[in-house]
């Protein structure tokens, strides 16, 4: 369990090591113009927000399920 917690903390601290490379993330977000490519700082902020929202949702669902079961 400790190893999992350390992995989550490392993921939050360093979102640049996400599963997708920067190139593929930009191409997914792109609408075909060069103006849609975000700066590195902007992308890092988006990654952090996405991670916190995902973790918050997972924790919230876990709490709701545990309340319903017990």
N, C-alpha and C. Protein backbone atom coordinates (compact mmCIF):
# COMPACT_ATOMS: atom_id res chain seq x y z
N UNK A 1 0.82 -1.18 0.00
CA UNK A 1 0.00 0.00 0.00
C UNK A 1 0.87 1.26 0.00
N UNK A 2 1.99 1.18 0.71
CA UNK A 2 2.90 2.32 0.76
C UNK A 2 3.49 2.62 -0.61
N UNK A 3 3.81 1.57 -1.36
CA UNK A 3 4.36 1.76 -2.70
C UNK A 3 3.35 2.45 -3.61
N UNK A 4 2.08 2.06 -3.48
CA UNK A 4 1.03 2.69 -4.28
C UNK A 4 0.91 4.18 -3.93
N UNK A 5 0.94 4.49 -2.64
CA UNK A 5 0.85 5.89 -2.20
C UNK A 5 2.03 6.71 -2.73
N UNK A 6 3.24 6.16 -2.68
CA UNK A 6 4.41 6.86 -3.20
C UNK A 6 4.29 7.08 -4.70
N UNK A 7 3.74 6.10 -5.42
CA UNK A 7 3.55 6.24 -6.86
C UNK A 7 2.57 7.37 -7.17
N UNK A 8 1.47 7.45 -6.40
CA UNK A 8 0.48 8.51 -6.60
C UNK A 8 1.11 9.87 -6.31
N UNK A 9 1.88 9.97 -5.24
CA UNK A 9 2.53 11.25 -4.92
C UNK A 9 3.52 11.66 -6.00
N UNK A 10 4.28 10.71 -6.53
CA UNK A 10 5.21 11.03 -7.61
C UNK A 10 4.46 11.47 -8.86
N UNK A 11 3.31 10.86 -9.13
CA UNK A 11 2.52 11.22 -10.28
C UNK A 11 1.99 12.65 -10.15
N UNK A 12 1.59 13.03 -8.95
CA UNK A 12 1.09 14.38 -8.72
C UNK A 12 2.22 15.40 -8.80
N UNK A 13 3.38 15.03 -8.29
CA UNK A 13 4.52 15.95 -8.30
C UNK A 13 5.09 16.14 -9.69
N UNK A 14 5.10 15.08 -10.49
CA UNK A 14 5.72 15.14 -11.80
C UNK A 14 4.73 14.66 -12.87
N UNK A 15 3.77 15.51 -13.25
CA UNK A 15 2.77 15.08 -14.24
C UNK A 15 3.34 14.95 -15.65
N UNK A 16 4.57 15.42 -15.85
CA UNK A 16 5.17 15.33 -17.18
C UNK A 16 5.46 13.89 -17.57
N UNK A 17 5.45 12.99 -16.61
CA UNK A 17 5.70 11.59 -16.90
C UNK A 17 4.40 10.84 -17.12
N UNK A 18 3.45 11.48 -17.72
CA UNK A 18 2.14 10.86 -17.98
C UNK A 18 2.28 9.81 -19.06
N UNK A 19 1.22 9.04 -19.24
CA UNK A 19 1.26 7.94 -20.21
C UNK A 19 1.43 8.44 -21.64
N UNK A 20 0.84 9.57 -21.96
CA UNK A 20 0.97 10.12 -23.30
C UNK A 20 2.13 11.10 -23.36
N UNK A 21 2.81 11.13 -24.48
CA UNK A 21 3.89 12.10 -24.64
C UNK A 21 3.29 13.47 -24.92
N UNK A 22 4.11 14.51 -24.79
CA UNK A 22 3.60 15.87 -25.04
C UNK A 22 3.11 16.02 -26.47
N UNK A 23 3.82 15.41 -27.39
CA UNK A 23 3.44 15.52 -28.79
C UNK A 23 2.04 14.96 -29.03
N UNK A 24 1.77 13.78 -28.49
CA UNK A 24 0.47 13.18 -28.73
C UNK A 24 -0.64 13.92 -27.99
N UNK A 25 -0.34 14.49 -26.79
CA UNK A 25 -1.35 15.26 -26.08
C UNK A 25 -1.70 16.51 -26.87
N UNK A 26 -0.70 17.16 -27.44
CA UNK A 26 -0.97 18.36 -28.22
C UNK A 26 -1.78 18.01 -29.47
N UNK A 27 -1.45 16.89 -30.09
CA UNK A 27 -2.18 16.54 -31.31
C UNK A 27 -3.62 16.14 -30.99
N UNK A 28 -3.86 15.58 -29.82
CA UNK A 28 -5.22 15.23 -29.44
C UNK A 28 -6.02 16.50 -29.19
N UNK A 29 -5.39 17.51 -28.56
CA UNK A 29 -6.07 18.75 -28.23
C UNK A 29 -6.15 19.70 -29.43
N UNK A 30 -5.36 19.46 -30.43
CA UNK A 30 -5.25 20.39 -31.53
C UNK A 30 -6.46 20.34 -32.46
N UNK A 31 -6.82 21.51 -32.98
CA UNK A 31 -7.90 21.56 -33.97
C UNK A 31 -7.32 21.82 -35.36
N UNK A 32 -6.02 21.61 -35.49
CA UNK A 32 -5.39 21.76 -36.78
C UNK A 32 -4.55 23.02 -36.92
N UNK A 33 -4.66 23.94 -36.00
CA UNK A 33 -3.87 25.16 -36.09
C UNK A 33 -2.74 25.12 -35.08
N UNK A 34 -1.68 25.86 -35.35
CA UNK A 34 -0.54 25.91 -34.44
C UNK A 34 -0.84 26.72 -33.19
N UNK A 35 -1.87 27.53 -33.22
CA UNK A 35 -2.20 28.36 -32.06
C UNK A 35 -2.76 27.55 -30.91
N UNK A 36 -3.24 26.35 -31.16
CA UNK A 36 -3.85 25.55 -30.10
C UNK A 36 -2.83 24.85 -29.22
N UNK A 37 -1.56 24.91 -29.57
CA UNK A 37 -0.52 24.27 -28.76
C UNK A 37 -0.25 25.13 -27.54
N UNK A 38 -0.48 24.56 -26.37
CA UNK A 38 -0.32 25.28 -25.12
C UNK A 38 1.14 25.31 -24.70
N UNK A 39 1.47 26.27 -23.85
CA UNK A 39 2.84 26.34 -23.33
C UNK A 39 3.05 25.21 -22.34
N UNK A 40 4.29 24.96 -21.99
CA UNK A 40 4.61 23.87 -21.07
C UNK A 40 4.02 24.12 -19.69
N UNK A 41 4.05 25.35 -19.22
CA UNK A 41 3.49 25.67 -17.91
C UNK A 41 1.97 25.48 -17.91
N UNK A 42 1.33 25.89 -19.00
CA UNK A 42 -0.12 25.72 -19.11
C UNK A 42 -0.48 24.24 -19.12
N UNK A 43 0.28 23.45 -19.84
CA UNK A 43 0.02 22.02 -19.91
C UNK A 43 0.24 21.37 -18.55
N UNK A 44 1.27 21.79 -17.83
CA UNK A 44 1.53 21.24 -16.50
C UNK A 44 0.38 21.55 -15.55
N UNK A 45 -0.14 22.75 -15.62
CA UNK A 45 -1.28 23.12 -14.78
C UNK A 45 -2.50 22.28 -15.12
N UNK A 46 -2.74 22.05 -16.39
CA UNK A 46 -3.86 21.20 -16.80
C UNK A 46 -3.71 19.78 -16.30
N UNK A 47 -2.48 19.27 -16.36
CA UNK A 47 -2.23 17.91 -15.88
C UNK A 47 -2.50 17.80 -14.39
N UNK A 48 -2.05 18.78 -13.62
CA UNK A 48 -2.26 18.76 -12.17
C UNK A 48 -3.75 18.82 -11.84
N UNK A 49 -4.48 19.68 -12.53
CA UNK A 49 -5.92 19.79 -12.29
C UNK A 49 -6.62 18.47 -12.62
N UNK A 50 -6.24 17.87 -13.73
CA UNK A 50 -6.85 16.60 -14.13
C UNK A 50 -6.57 15.50 -13.11
N UNK A 51 -5.37 15.44 -12.61
CA UNK A 51 -5.01 14.42 -11.63
C UNK A 51 -5.80 14.61 -10.34
N UNK A 52 -5.89 15.86 -9.85
CA UNK A 52 -6.62 16.11 -8.61
C UNK A 52 -8.11 15.85 -8.77
N UNK A 53 -8.69 16.19 -9.90
CA UNK A 53 -10.11 15.93 -10.12
C UNK A 53 -10.36 14.42 -10.18
N UNK A 54 -9.48 13.69 -10.85
CA UNK A 54 -9.63 12.24 -10.94
C UNK A 54 -9.49 11.59 -9.58
N UNK A 55 -8.47 11.96 -8.83
CA UNK A 55 -8.27 11.39 -7.49
C UNK A 55 -9.43 11.75 -6.57
N UNK A 56 -9.89 12.99 -6.64
CA UNK A 56 -11.03 13.41 -5.82
C UNK A 56 -12.28 12.62 -6.14
N UNK A 57 -12.52 12.38 -7.41
CA UNK A 57 -13.68 11.59 -7.82
C UNK A 57 -13.58 10.16 -7.34
N UNK A 58 -12.41 9.58 -7.44
CA UNK A 58 -12.22 8.20 -6.99
C UNK A 58 -12.43 8.10 -5.49
N UNK A 59 -11.90 9.05 -4.74
CA UNK A 59 -12.08 9.04 -3.29
C UNK A 59 -13.54 9.24 -2.94
N UNK A 60 -14.21 10.16 -3.63
CA UNK A 60 -15.63 10.40 -3.38
C UNK A 60 -16.48 9.18 -3.65
N UNK A 61 -16.24 8.49 -4.75
CA UNK A 61 -17.00 7.28 -5.07
C UNK A 61 -16.73 6.20 -4.03
N UNK A 62 -15.49 6.07 -3.61
CA UNK A 62 -15.14 5.08 -2.59
C UNK A 62 -15.88 5.35 -1.28
N UNK A 63 -15.93 6.60 -0.88
CA UNK A 63 -16.64 6.97 0.35
C UNK A 63 -18.13 6.68 0.21
N UNK A 64 -18.72 7.05 -0.91
CA UNK A 64 -20.15 6.78 -1.11
C UNK A 64 -20.47 5.29 -1.10
N UNK A 65 -19.65 4.50 -1.76
CA UNK A 65 -19.87 3.05 -1.79
C UNK A 65 -19.73 2.47 -0.39
N UNK A 66 -18.71 2.92 0.35
CA UNK A 66 -18.54 2.38 1.70
C UNK A 66 -19.70 2.77 2.61
N UNK A 67 -20.27 3.96 2.45
CA UNK A 67 -21.42 4.36 3.24
C UNK A 67 -22.66 3.54 2.88
N UNK A 68 -22.81 3.22 1.62
CA UNK A 68 -23.97 2.45 1.20
C UNK A 68 -23.87 0.98 1.63
N UNK A 69 -22.67 0.46 1.69
CA UNK A 69 -22.50 -0.94 2.06
C UNK A 69 -22.56 -1.17 3.56
N UNK A 70 -22.21 -0.16 4.34
CA UNK A 70 -22.18 -0.35 5.80
C UNK A 70 -23.20 0.48 6.46
